[in-house]
Amino acid sequence: MIDDLWYKNGVIYCLSVATYMDANGDGIGDFKGLTRRLDYLHGLGVTAIWLMPFQPSPYRDDGYDISDYYGVDPRYGTLGDFVEFTHGCKQRGMRVIIDLVVNHTSDQHPWFKQARADPNSPYRDWYVWSDKKPAHADQGMVFPGVQKSTWTHDKQAKAWYFHRFYEFQPDLNTANPYVQEEILKIMGFWIQLGVSGFRMDAVPFVIATKGPKVKKPVEQFDMLRTFREFLQWRKGDSIILAEANVRPEDDLHYFGDDGERMQMMFNFHVNQHLFYALAAADTGPLAKALAATKPRPATAQWGLFLRNHDELDLGRLTKAQQRIVFEKFGPDKTMQLYDRGIRRRLAPMLGGDQRRLELAYSLMMTLPGTPVIRYGDEIAMGDNLALPERRCARTPMQWSTEPHGGFTKSDKPEIPVIDHGAYSFEHVNVAQQRRDPDSMLNWTERIIRMRKEVPEIGWGDFKVIAARDPAVLILRYDWRNNSVLFVHNLDEQPREVSFAVGLPDDAGATLIDLLGPNHSHAVRGRHKLLIEGYGYRWFRVGGLDYLLRRTEVDGGGRARA
């Protein structure tokens, strides 16, 4: 049944094994340590864990330069440790999705070593080569300002090889059917070990045509259907969550008109306009972004997020909007990256103000899709801008006031724990926040629990309700004769709003506050609310007998407005 799809109404938690917990004491996180922390994640209420790369790697790009797709980096443990981890997740009712990084490999991968050593090697055509440096080699860099070219000359091969990312990450020739077959084997291998799906890295680059004569790459969307069909046969409810920062008019090419391609995609378009809304207290462009990304197949789902492990890309905003976001959240050049984004964590961007953090997460939790939380954001961790590029926001988890934040017993962690300033582990850690009922950690646990009790967000149809105030966003969801409504004030000043719920008869006469005592009763069909600065309300429309009114199938109840 369609309503059995686990990814439609859950909460995904993203973490790096390397920065979560170190049980071996060698200064880098491992699977034994992560498995010991599963009760914490289970208690937090997450339904799926997304793991960043943990396969063997020279680790020049935090593991995204993979040298063996079928193993575990010895620093993190063994395949046996990984299986113990997936088994522990299954016992607690949590799913596991892992990064699938198949646009490129490390230049230390045996495939590339054989390809560069012998022009007659079968692996030569697994990569993209040119006898001469292509004329457009200085275009299309993923990391402008750091990366100088997309083509590098290899002395051993006596040829130029293509790389969208760093020069030590040669692109795979994904149009090669043998490469595609290998990608399917990789997915099948990890599915067999307990994985429920993959976050596919750089999907537009994976499916794009590549070569020295390709000036404007063309996406090969049939490749996505091949991946989807393979997963459906191997494990019916496994998914691919696509990293595809594309324009709304291209979304259905990735989902498929009938939902036959990717099950999930990150909604970068909404993410960027969300940060503009937070910076300018202007929800108009965000409402337009929600409308632009509304069309999607019934089985498809958006992944909604605030910050992730990369920079906050602002490329979809206008220049004026970008300027406002930079001035508000990343005014210093040290906070910016690649001429397009901000490399900070969420808490420092919002000045450590818990009111604003709660507002931001409440808003993200109530936007149409499945929320994705990044490790440490539940305790409002900070960043270390002294670290290079994106690593500044990839510091170890802060568990306690013990040395190195309880992350490791090693004297020299691979990545230093934040140990100074307002965001140091002595001030921001799990142990202290557990004991504080008003902490960010305990608020996050409560809001996740409530999010799981309003499946209308994940399953229903939404409508933006006119608030007549750009600082206020009102969303209503309808699903199976039930409705919920959410109000957010993005300004620091209180706002009074008057609105009609927009449902027929008197169905919207009563709004029951799910997070507090502020219920509302309409007067002459309209509700009037006073929302404090950075305030939010979660309402259930009607009474608390909603489960008695919920229909078994869509379309059996009240018509959608």
Protein backbone atom coordinates (compact mmCIF):
# COMPACT_ATOMS: atom_id res chain seq x y z
CA MET A 1 0.00 0.00 0.00
CA ILE A 2 1.16 3.54 -0.69
CA ASP A 3 0.80 4.57 2.96
CA ASP A 4 3.36 1.94 3.97
CA LEU A 5 6.17 4.05 2.51
CA TRP A 6 8.44 4.62 5.50
CA TYR A 7 10.20 7.67 4.09
CA LYS A 8 7.02 9.74 3.72
CA ASN A 9 6.53 10.54 7.40
CA GLY A 10 9.76 10.22 9.38
CA VAL A 11 12.82 12.14 10.54
CA ILE A 12 16.27 11.51 9.04
CA TYR A 13 19.43 12.18 11.06
CA CYS A 14 22.69 12.78 9.19
CA LEU A 15 26.06 11.96 10.76
CA SER A 16 29.65 11.10 9.98
CA VAL A 17 31.05 8.03 11.70
CA ALA A 18 34.38 9.85 11.95
CA THR A 19 32.95 12.62 14.12
CA TYR A 20 30.35 10.86 16.26
CA MET A 21 32.06 8.69 18.88
CA ASP A 22 35.43 6.97 19.13
CA ALA A 23 35.35 3.69 21.06
CA ASN A 24 38.85 2.64 19.96
CA GLY A 25 40.55 5.74 21.35
CA ASP A 26 42.55 6.46 18.19
CA GLY A 27 41.15 9.95 17.65
CA ILE A 28 38.54 9.18 14.99
CA GLY A 29 34.98 7.89 15.34
CA ASP A 30 34.13 4.26 14.60
CA PHE A 31 31.20 1.90 14.25
CA LYS A 32 31.59 0.43 17.73
CA GLY A 33 31.22 3.89 19.21
CA LEU A 34 28.31 4.73 16.93
CA THR A 35 26.51 1.50 17.88
CA ARG A 36 26.84 2.45 21.56
CA ARG A 37 25.06 5.71 20.81
CA LEU A 38 22.04 4.15 19.09
CA ASP A 39 19.91 4.43 22.23
CA TYR A 40 20.52 8.18 22.19
CA LEU A 41 19.31 8.41 18.58
CA HIS A 42 16.37 6.13 19.31
CA GLY A 43 15.42 8.30 22.28
CA LEU A 44 15.67 11.42 20.15
CA GLY A 45 13.00 9.91 17.91
CA VAL A 46 14.76 9.70 14.54
CA THR A 47 13.46 7.07 12.14
CA ALA A 48 16.45 6.82 9.79
CA ILE A 49 20.19 7.44 10.03
CA TRP A 50 22.08 8.78 7.02
CA LEU A 51 25.79 7.92 7.10
CA MET A 52 28.36 9.97 5.26
CA PRO A 53 31.08 7.91 3.48
CA PHE A 54 32.90 5.34 5.61
CA GLN A 55 34.53 3.19 2.91
CA PRO A 56 38.35 2.99 2.54
CA SER A 57 39.69 6.35 1.39
CA PRO A 58 42.85 8.50 1.39
CA TYR A 59 40.53 10.94 3.19
CA ARG A 60 41.55 13.99 1.20
CA ASP A 61 37.88 15.03 0.91
CA ASP A 62 36.45 13.68 4.19
CA GLY A 63 35.84 10.26 2.65
CA TYR A 64 34.22 11.40 -0.60
CA ASP A 65 37.34 10.14 -2.40
CA ILE A 66 36.59 6.42 -2.17
CA SER A 67 39.25 3.81 -2.98
CA ASP A 68 37.15 0.68 -2.31
CA TYR A 69 33.36 0.55 -2.53
CA TYR A 70 33.06 -2.84 -0.84
CA GLY A 71 34.73 -2.27 2.49
CA VAL A 72 34.95 -0.23 5.67
CA ASP A 73 37.89 2.09 6.31
CA PRO A 74 40.00 0.32 8.99
CA ARG A 75 39.91 3.47 11.10
CA TYR A 76 36.15 2.99 11.50
CA GLY A 77 36.21 -0.78 12.08
CA THR A 78 35.28 -3.80 10.01
CA LEU A 79 32.38 -5.03 7.92
CA GLY A 80 31.38 -7.05 10.98
CA ASP A 81 31.17 -3.84 13.01
CA PHE A 82 29.02 -2.30 10.29
CA VAL A 83 26.60 -5.25 10.32
CA GLU A 84 26.36 -5.01 14.13
CA PHE A 85 25.44 -1.36 13.66
CA THR A 86 22.70 -2.05 11.07
CA HIS A 87 21.38 -4.87 13.24
CA GLY A 88 21.24 -2.51 16.23
CA CYS A 89 19.30 0.01 14.16
CA LYS A 90 16.82 -2.64 13.05
CA GLN A 91 16.26 -3.72 16.67
CA ARG A 92 15.31 -0.14 17.51
CA GLY A 93 13.09 0.38 14.47
CA MET A 94 15.50 2.72 12.68
CA ARG A 95 16.53 2.54 9.03
CA VAL A 96 20.00 3.16 7.60
CA ILE A 97 20.79 5.01 4.40
CA ILE A 98 24.38 5.53 3.26
CA ASP A 99 26.15 7.83 0.85
CA LEU A 100 26.49 6.46 -2.69
CA VAL A 101 29.43 8.35 -4.21
CA VAL A 102 29.67 7.08 -7.78
CA ASN A 103 30.29 10.20 -9.83
CA HIS A 104 34.01 9.78 -9.15
CA THR A 105 36.56 7.67 -7.30
CA SER A 106 39.81 8.44 -5.55
CA ASP A 107 42.84 8.55 -7.82
CA GLN A 108 44.13 5.78 -5.54
CA HIS A 109 41.32 3.41 -6.51
CA PRO A 110 42.64 0.24 -8.23
CA TRP A 111 40.37 0.98 -11.19
CA PHE A 112 42.06 4.31 -11.85
CA LYS A 113 45.53 2.94 -11.21
CA GLN A 114 44.97 0.29 -13.87
CA ALA A 115 43.35 2.80 -16.21
CA ARG A 116 46.29 5.22 -16.08
CA ALA A 117 48.90 2.47 -16.30
CA ASP A 118 47.65 0.74 -19.46
CA PRO A 119 45.69 2.27 -22.36
CA ASN A 120 44.47 -1.24 -23.22
CA SER A 121 43.17 -1.92 -19.72
CA PRO A 122 39.41 -2.61 -19.58
CA TYR A 123 39.29 0.09 -16.89
CA ARG A 124 40.62 2.76 -19.25
CA ASP A 125 37.10 3.45 -20.50
CA TRP A 126 35.78 3.56 -16.94
CA TYR A 127 37.10 7.12 -16.79
CA VAL A 128 36.95 10.13 -19.12
CA TRP A 129 40.11 10.98 -21.09
CA SER A 130 41.37 13.44 -23.67
CA ASP A 131 44.61 13.50 -25.67
CA LYS A 132 44.65 17.30 -25.49
CA LYS A 133 43.56 19.77 -22.87
CA PRO A 134 39.95 20.69 -23.78
CA ALA A 135 39.28 24.35 -24.50
CA HIS A 136 36.60 24.55 -21.79
CA ALA A 137 38.78 23.04 -19.02
CA ASP A 138 38.44 26.20 -16.93
CA GLN A 139 34.64 25.95 -16.79
CA GLY A 140 32.19 24.00 -14.67
CA MET A 141 34.28 23.70 -11.49
CA VAL A 142 32.34 22.60 -8.42
CA PHE A 143 34.72 24.46 -6.10
CA PRO A 144 35.49 27.82 -7.74
CA GLY A 145 38.27 29.76 -6.07
CA VAL A 146 39.85 26.52 -4.85
CA GLN A 147 39.63 24.30 -7.92
CA LYS A 148 41.46 25.62 -11.02
CA SER A 149 40.31 23.21 -13.72
CA THR A 150 38.09 20.24 -14.55
CA TRP A 151 40.84 18.51 -16.55
CA THR A 152 44.25 17.38 -15.24
CA HIS A 153 47.16 15.89 -17.16
CA ASP A 154 48.38 12.51 -15.95
CA LYS A 155 52.02 11.85 -16.76
CA GLN A 156 51.70 8.09 -16.50
CA ALA A 157 48.68 7.92 -18.82
CA LYS A 158 50.05 10.65 -21.09
CA ALA A 159 46.51 12.01 -21.31
CA TRP A 160 44.13 14.42 -19.59
CA TYR A 161 41.40 13.08 -17.30
CA PHE A 162 38.12 14.76 -16.35
CA HIS A 163 37.12 15.61 -12.78
CA ARG A 164 34.12 17.71 -11.77
CA PHE A 165 35.50 17.89 -8.25
CA TYR A 166 39.12 17.97 -7.01
CA GLU A 167 41.93 16.66 -9.22
CA PHE A 168 42.33 13.62 -6.96
CA GLN A 169 38.73 12.60 -7.74
CA PRO A 170 38.62 11.45 -11.39
CA ASP A 171 35.11 11.16 -12.80
CA LEU A 172 33.76 7.76 -13.68
CA ASN A 173 32.45 7.33 -17.21
CA THR A 174 28.94 6.60 -16.00
CA ALA A 175 27.64 6.19 -19.56
CA ASN A 176 29.73 3.02 -19.79
CA PRO A 177 27.36 0.04 -19.26
CA TYR A 178 30.05 -1.80 -17.27
CA VAL A 179 30.29 1.15 -14.87
CA GLN A 180 26.51 1.18 -14.51
CA GLU A 181 26.55 -2.54 -13.80
CA GLU A 182 29.18 -1.98 -11.11
CA ILE A 183 27.04 0.73 -9.49
CA LEU A 184 24.18 -1.77 -9.23
CA LYS A 185 26.53 -4.30 -7.63
CA ILE A 186 27.62 -1.71 -5.08
CA MET A 187 24.01 -0.97 -4.15
CA GLY A 188 23.16 -4.67 -3.97
CA PHE A 189 26.13 -5.36 -1.70
CA TRP A 190 25.15 -2.79 0.94
CA ILE A 191 21.43 -3.63 0.72
CA GLN A 192 22.41 -7.20 1.61
CA LEU A 193 24.17 -5.89 4.74
CA GLY A 194 21.11 -4.14 6.11
CA VAL A 195 20.96 -0.79 4.34
CA SER A 196 17.52 0.61 3.42
CA GLY A 197 18.67 3.09 0.82
CA PHE A 198 21.20 5.58 -0.43
CA ARG A 199 21.79 9.29 -0.50
CA MET A 200 23.20 9.56 -4.01
CA ASP A 201 25.89 12.21 -4.24
CA ALA A 202 25.95 14.73 -7.13
CA VAL A 203 23.16 13.07 -9.14
CA PRO A 204 23.10 15.61 -12.04
CA PHE A 205 26.81 14.95 -12.61
CA VAL A 206 26.36 11.16 -12.36
CA ILE A 207 23.82 11.10 -15.18
CA ALA A 208 25.38 13.85 -17.34
CA THR A 209 27.21 13.13 -20.57
CA LYS A 210 30.98 13.59 -20.18
CA GLY A 211 33.86 14.02 -22.56
CA PRO A 212 36.29 16.51 -24.13
CA LYS A 213 33.73 17.49 -26.78
CA VAL A 214 30.84 17.95 -24.33
CA LYS A 215 30.31 21.67 -23.81
CA LYS A 216 26.75 21.45 -22.48
CA PRO A 217 26.15 18.15 -20.65
CA VAL A 218 22.88 16.32 -21.26
CA GLU A 219 21.25 14.33 -18.45
CA GLN A 220 20.65 10.63 -19.13
CA PHE A 221 17.51 10.20 -17.02
CA ASP A 222 16.94 6.58 -18.01
CA MET A 223 19.91 5.77 -15.79
CA LEU A 224 17.84 6.80 -12.76
CA ARG A 225 15.08 4.38 -13.71
CA THR A 226 17.66 1.60 -13.97
CA PHE A 227 18.88 2.33 -10.43
CA ARG A 228 15.30 2.47 -9.13
CA GLU A 229 14.22 -0.78 -10.74
CA PHE A 230 17.26 -2.62 -9.39
CA LEU A 231 16.57 -1.46 -5.84
CA GLN A 232 12.87 -2.32 -6.06
CA TRP A 233 13.73 -5.88 -7.06
CA ARG A 234 16.39 -6.34 -4.38
CA LYS A 235 14.46 -4.71 -1.52
CA GLY A 236 11.03 -3.34 -2.24
CA ASP A 237 11.04 -0.47 0.25
CA SER A 238 14.62 0.71 -0.29
CA ILE A 239 15.07 4.25 -1.60
CA ILE A 240 17.42 6.70 -3.24
CA LEU A 241 17.56 10.21 -1.78
CA ALA A 242 19.02 12.34 -4.55
CA GLU A 243 21.34 15.28 -4.06
CA ALA A 244 20.23 17.31 -7.07
CA ASN A 245 20.38 21.09 -6.80
CA VAL A 246 18.23 21.71 -9.87
CA ARG A 247 15.52 24.16 -10.86
CA PRO A 248 11.87 23.35 -10.07
CA GLU A 249 11.04 22.87 -13.75
CA ASP A 250 13.48 19.94 -13.79
CA ASP A 251 12.24 18.21 -10.62
CA LEU A 252 9.90 15.78 -12.38
CA HIS A 253 12.73 14.61 -14.62
CA TYR A 254 14.38 13.23 -11.47
CA PHE A 255 11.23 11.93 -9.76
CA GLY A 256 9.75 10.64 -13.02
CA ASP A 257 6.26 11.65 -14.17
CA ASP A 258 4.87 8.47 -12.60
CA GLY A 259 7.37 8.27 -9.74
CA GLU A 260 9.50 5.67 -11.53
CA ARG A 261 12.89 7.30 -10.82
CA MET A 262 14.10 8.83 -7.54
CA GLN A 263 11.92 8.31 -4.47
CA MET A 264 13.31 11.37 -2.67
CA MET A 265 15.18 14.58 -3.47
CA PHE A 266 16.59 17.33 -1.29
CA ASN A 267 14.64 20.54 -1.79
CA PHE A 268 17.50 23.00 -2.35
CA HIS A 269 15.16 25.53 -3.93
CA VAL A 270 13.06 25.83 -0.77
CA ASN A 271 16.16 25.69 1.44
CA GLN A 272 17.72 28.77 -0.12
CA HIS A 273 14.50 30.78 -0.01
CA LEU A 274 13.96 29.66 3.58
CA PHE A 275 17.23 31.28 4.59
CA TYR A 276 16.27 34.44 2.75
CA ALA A 277 12.98 34.42 4.68
CA LEU A 278 14.85 34.02 7.98
CA ALA A 279 17.26 36.83 7.07
CA ALA A 280 14.70 39.33 5.75
CA ALA A 281 11.51 38.33 7.61
CA ASP A 282 9.94 38.08 4.16
CA THR A 283 8.04 34.85 3.45
CA GLY A 284 6.80 35.84 -0.02
CA PRO A 285 9.65 34.22 -2.03
CA LEU A 286 9.48 31.14 0.23
CA ALA A 287 5.77 30.73 -0.51
CA LYS A 288 6.55 30.97 -4.23
CA ALA A 289 9.30 28.35 -3.84
CA LEU A 290 6.85 26.02 -2.09
CA ALA A 291 4.37 26.44 -4.93
CA ALA A 292 7.06 25.89 -7.57
CA THR A 293 8.15 22.58 -5.99
CA LYS A 294 4.65 21.36 -5.16
CA PRO A 295 4.15 19.07 -8.21
CA ARG A 296 5.48 15.59 -7.51
CA PRO A 297 4.25 11.99 -7.87
CA ALA A 298 2.27 10.46 -5.00
CA THR A 299 5.13 8.14 -4.03
CA ALA A 300 7.81 10.84 -4.18
CA GLN A 301 8.95 12.95 -1.27
CA TRP A 302 11.09 16.01 -0.58
CA GLY A 303 13.89 15.96 1.95
CA LEU A 304 13.74 19.26 3.90
CA PHE A 305 16.82 20.56 5.69
CA LEU A 306 18.37 23.68 7.16
CA ARG A 307 22.11 23.12 7.18
CA ASN A 308 24.03 20.13 5.87
CA HIS A 309 27.71 19.12 5.71
CA ASP A 310 28.39 21.40 2.72
CA GLU A 311 28.18 25.17 2.34
CA LEU A 312 24.81 26.93 2.22
CA ASP A 313 24.52 27.49 -1.53
CA LEU A 314 22.68 30.73 -2.39
CA GLY A 315 22.90 30.40 -6.17
CA ARG A 316 19.12 30.25 -6.69
CA LEU A 317 18.52 33.65 -5.05
CA THR A 318 18.65 37.02 -6.77
CA LYS A 319 21.73 39.17 -6.20
CA ALA A 320 19.75 41.43 -3.87
CA GLN A 321 18.49 38.45 -1.87
CA GLN A 322 21.99 36.96 -1.68
CA ARG A 323 23.34 40.23 -0.34
CA ILE A 324 20.77 40.26 2.46
CA VAL A 325 21.54 36.66 3.47
CA PHE A 326 25.31 37.23 3.40
CA GLU A 327 24.99 40.41 5.47
CA LYS A 328 22.78 38.70 8.04
CA PHE A 329 24.39 35.27 8.35
CA GLY A 330 27.90 35.41 6.86
CA PRO A 331 29.19 38.98 6.63
CA ASP A 332 32.88 38.10 7.02
CA LYS A 333 34.82 36.60 4.10
CA THR A 334 36.06 33.82 6.39
CA MET A 335 32.43 32.69 6.72
CA GLN A 336 31.91 32.43 2.95
CA LEU A 337 32.97 29.77 0.47
CA TYR A 338 33.26 29.16 -3.28
CA ASP A 339 31.90 32.64 -4.11
CA ARG A 340 28.37 31.34 -3.62
CA GLY A 341 27.70 30.22 -0.07
CA ILE A 342 28.12 30.29 3.70
CA ARG A 343 30.10 27.62 5.53
CA ARG A 344 28.78 28.14 9.06
CA ARG A 345 26.61 25.93 11.24
CA LEU A 346 23.07 27.02 12.01
CA ALA A 347 23.50 28.09 15.66
CA PRO A 348 26.23 30.69 15.04
CA MET A 349 24.33 31.97 12.00
CA LEU A 350 21.34 32.67 14.24
CA GLY A 351 23.43 34.21 17.00
CA GLY A 352 22.92 31.29 19.37
CA ASP A 353 19.39 32.57 20.04
CA GLN A 354 17.28 29.56 20.99
CA ARG A 355 14.07 31.40 20.03
CA ARG A 356 15.33 31.74 16.47
CA LEU A 357 16.68 28.19 16.41
CA GLU A 358 13.32 26.81 17.54
CA LEU A 359 11.55 28.94 14.94
CA ALA A 360 13.85 27.71 12.18
CA TYR A 361 13.43 24.05 13.11
CA SER A 362 9.70 24.39 13.69
CA LEU A 363 9.41 25.90 10.21
CA MET A 364 11.57 23.18 8.63
CA MET A 365 9.58 20.45 10.43
CA THR A 366 6.30 21.79 9.06
CA LEU A 367 7.28 22.33 5.44
CA PRO A 368 6.02 19.69 2.94
CA GLY A 369 8.42 16.76 3.05
CA THR A 370 10.57 14.70 5.40
CA PRO A 371 12.83 16.67 7.80
CA VAL A 372 16.57 15.95 7.80
CA ILE A 373 18.54 16.95 10.91
CA ARG A 374 22.31 17.22 10.97
CA TYR A 375 24.20 15.75 13.92
CA GLY A 376 24.86 18.28 16.66
CA ASP A 377 22.14 20.68 15.58
CA GLU A 378 19.88 19.20 18.25
CA ILE A 379 22.22 20.75 20.83
CA ALA A 380 23.02 23.88 18.77
CA MET A 381 26.67 23.05 18.08
CA GLY A 382 28.91 25.71 16.59
CA ASP A 383 31.72 25.73 14.04
CA ASN A 384 35.47 26.26 13.90
CA LEU A 385 36.23 28.76 11.15
CA ALA A 386 39.97 28.14 11.59
CA LEU A 387 39.51 24.79 9.82
CA PRO A 388 39.65 24.83 5.99
CA GLU A 389 36.69 24.98 3.63
CA ARG A 390 33.73 22.84 4.73
CA ARG A 391 35.59 21.05 7.50
CA CYS A 392 34.84 23.99 9.81
CA ALA A 393 31.31 22.62 10.26
CA ARG A 394 32.34 18.95 10.55
CA THR A 395 33.79 18.95 14.07
CA PRO A 396 33.21 16.04 16.50
CA MET A 397 29.98 15.58 18.42
CA GLN A 398 30.04 17.14 21.88
CA TRP A 399 28.77 14.63 24.42
CA SER A 400 29.93 15.95 27.80
CA THR A 401 32.45 18.09 29.68
CA GLU A 402 34.95 15.22 29.66
CA PRO A 403 38.20 15.81 27.71
CA HIS A 404 37.51 16.30 23.99
CA GLY A 405 33.82 16.52 24.72
CA GLY A 406 33.55 12.80 25.50
CA PHE A 407 34.22 12.04 21.83
CA THR A 408 37.56 10.25 22.28
CA LYS A 409 40.21 9.26 24.81
CA SER A 410 42.93 10.08 22.32
CA ASP A 411 45.13 13.10 22.97
CA LYS A 412 45.00 14.01 19.27
CA PRO A 413 41.59 13.74 17.60
CA GLU A 414 41.64 13.57 13.80
CA ILE A 415 39.49 16.72 13.77
CA PRO A 416 39.75 18.95 16.85
CA VAL A 417 36.71 19.29 19.09
CA ILE A 418 35.56 22.87 19.59
CA ASP A 419 37.24 23.75 22.91
CA HIS A 420 36.98 27.52 23.20
CA GLY A 421 34.35 30.22 23.00
CA ALA A 422 30.61 30.13 23.54
CA TYR A 423 30.21 26.90 21.52
CA SER A 424 32.96 24.90 23.22
CA PHE A 425 32.09 21.45 24.53
CA GLU A 426 32.23 22.80 28.08
CA HIS A 427 29.21 24.99 27.32
CA VAL A 428 27.40 23.01 24.62
CA ASN A 429 27.04 19.27 25.18
CA VAL A 430 24.47 16.48 25.43
CA ALA A 431 25.00 15.66 29.12
CA GLN A 432 24.16 19.15 30.37
CA GLN A 433 21.22 19.62 28.04
CA ARG A 434 19.67 16.30 29.06
CA ARG A 435 19.22 17.74 32.57
CA ASP A 436 17.70 21.01 31.38
CA PRO A 437 14.01 20.65 30.44
CA ASP A 438 14.18 23.87 28.40
CA SER A 439 17.34 22.92 26.47
CA MET A 440 17.57 22.72 22.69
CA LEU A 441 18.03 18.95 22.98
CA ASN A 442 14.83 18.37 24.94
CA TRP A 443 12.90 20.78 22.74
CA THR A 444 14.12 18.88 19.65
CA GLU A 445 13.02 15.56 21.12
CA ARG A 446 9.55 16.97 21.84
CA ILE A 447 9.17 18.55 18.40
CA ILE A 448 10.23 15.32 16.65
CA ARG A 449 7.64 13.40 18.64
CA MET A 450 4.95 15.91 17.69
CA ARG A 451 6.08 15.92 14.04
CA LYS A 452 5.48 12.17 13.90
CA GLU A 453 1.96 12.70 15.26
CA VAL A 454 0.97 14.94 12.33
CA PRO A 455 1.26 12.68 9.27
CA GLU A 456 -0.73 15.25 7.31
CA ILE A 457 2.59 17.05 6.63
CA GLY A 458 4.16 14.01 5.01
CA TRP A 459 1.09 12.74 3.22
CA GLY A 460 -1.32 15.61 2.74
CA ASP A 461 -1.90 18.43 0.31
CA PHE A 462 -0.88 21.89 1.48
CA LYS A 463 -2.17 25.41 0.96
CA VAL A 464 -0.56 28.72 1.87
CA ILE A 465 -3.12 30.84 3.77
CA ALA A 466 -3.00 34.59 3.17
CA ALA A 467 -1.65 36.34 6.26
CA ARG A 468 -1.42 39.87 4.80
CA ASP A 469 1.92 40.23 6.58
CA PRO A 470 5.16 39.24 4.80
CA ALA A 471 6.77 38.18 8.10
CA VAL A 472 4.13 35.52 8.78
CA LEU A 473 3.74 32.19 7.00
CA ILE A 474 0.55 30.17 7.48
CA LEU A 475 0.33 26.65 6.03
CA ARG A 476 -2.62 24.25 6.13
CA TYR A 477 -2.41 20.52 5.32
CA ASP A 478 -5.38 18.28 4.51
CA TRP A 479 -5.33 14.49 4.55
CA ARG A 480 -8.09 11.90 5.02
CA ASN A 481 -10.67 14.26 6.48
CA ASN A 482 -8.12 15.77 8.89
CA SER A 483 -6.39 19.15 8.75
CA VAL A 484 -3.52 20.83 10.58
CA LEU A 485 -2.40 24.44 10.42
CA PHE A 486 0.94 26.10 11.24
CA VAL A 487 1.74 29.75 11.86
CA HIS A 488 5.29 31.18 11.98
CA ASN A 489 6.40 34.74 12.68
CA LEU A 490 9.86 35.32 11.23
CA ASP A 491 10.25 38.81 12.65
CA GLU A 492 11.68 39.71 16.06
CA GLN A 493 8.62 41.90 16.76
CA PRO A 494 5.20 40.47 17.72
CA ARG A 495 2.69 40.20 14.92
CA GLU A 496 -1.11 40.17 15.03
CA VAL A 497 -2.71 38.28 12.16
CA SER A 498 -6.29 37.66 11.11
CA PHE A 499 -7.17 34.87 8.72
CA ALA A 500 -9.79 32.35 7.65
CA VAL A 501 -8.79 28.68 7.69
CA GLY A 502 -10.43 28.23 4.29
CA LEU A 503 -12.45 25.07 4.91
CA PRO A 504 -16.19 24.71 4.16
CA ASP A 505 -18.94 25.21 6.74
CA ASP A 506 -17.59 25.55 10.28
CA ALA A 507 -14.82 22.94 9.91
CA GLY A 508 -12.17 25.54 10.74
CA ALA A 509 -14.00 27.23 13.60
CA THR A 510 -11.68 25.75 16.27
CA LEU A 511 -7.90 25.50 16.30
CA ILE A 512 -6.36 23.29 19.00
CA ASP A 513 -2.80 24.29 19.95
CA LEU A 514 -0.63 21.16 19.93
CA LEU A 515 2.32 22.75 21.73
CA GLY A 516 0.60 24.93 24.33
CA PRO A 517 -2.67 26.31 25.69
CA ASN A 518 -3.24 28.94 22.98
CA HIS A 519 -6.34 27.49 21.33
CA SER A 520 -8.27 29.73 18.96
CA HIS A 521 -11.97 30.08 18.16
CA ALA A 522 -13.07 31.91 15.06
CA VAL A 523 -15.22 35.00 15.28
CA ARG A 524 -17.41 35.47 12.21
CA GLY A 525 -15.28 32.90 10.38
CA ARG A 526 -11.87 34.46 11.11
CA HIS A 527 -9.16 33.74 13.66
CA LYS A 528 -7.14 36.53 15.24
CA LEU A 529 -3.76 35.60 16.72
CA LEU A 530 -1.02 37.56 18.45
CA ILE A 531 2.28 35.78 17.70
CA GLU A 532 5.34 36.79 19.70
CA GLY A 533 8.63 37.65 17.99
CA TYR A 534 10.11 34.51 16.41
CA GLY A 535 6.97 32.70 17.56
CA TYR A 536 5.23 29.66 16.09
CA ARG A 537 1.98 27.75 16.56
CA TRP A 538 1.04 24.19 15.63
CA PHE A 539 -2.73 23.74 15.42
CA ARG A 540 -5.00 20.82 14.77
CA VAL A 541 -8.13 22.00 12.99
CA GLY A 542 -11.30 20.97 14.84
CA GLY A 543 -11.22 18.93 18.03
CA LEU A 544 -8.98 16.19 19.34
CA ASP A 545 -11.41 13.55 18.04
CA TYR A 546 -9.62 13.79 14.69
CA LEU A 547 -8.62 10.10 14.69
CA LEU A 548 -12.28 9.15 14.84
CA ARG A 549 -12.89 11.29 11.77
CA ARG A 550 -9.88 10.13 9.75
CA THR A 551 -10.91 8.23 6.62
CA GLU A 552 -9.17 5.07 5.44
CA VAL A 553 -8.41 6.32 1.95
CA ASP A 554 -7.81 9.66 0.28
CA GLY A 555 -10.85 11.35 -1.18
CA GLY A 556 -13.26 9.75 1.27
CA GLY A 557 -13.71 12.86 3.36
CA ARG A 558 -13.81 16.61 3.00
CA ALA A 559 -12.90 17.95 -0.41
CA ARG A 560 -9.64 19.81 -0.57
CA ALA A 561 -9.97 23.56 -0.63
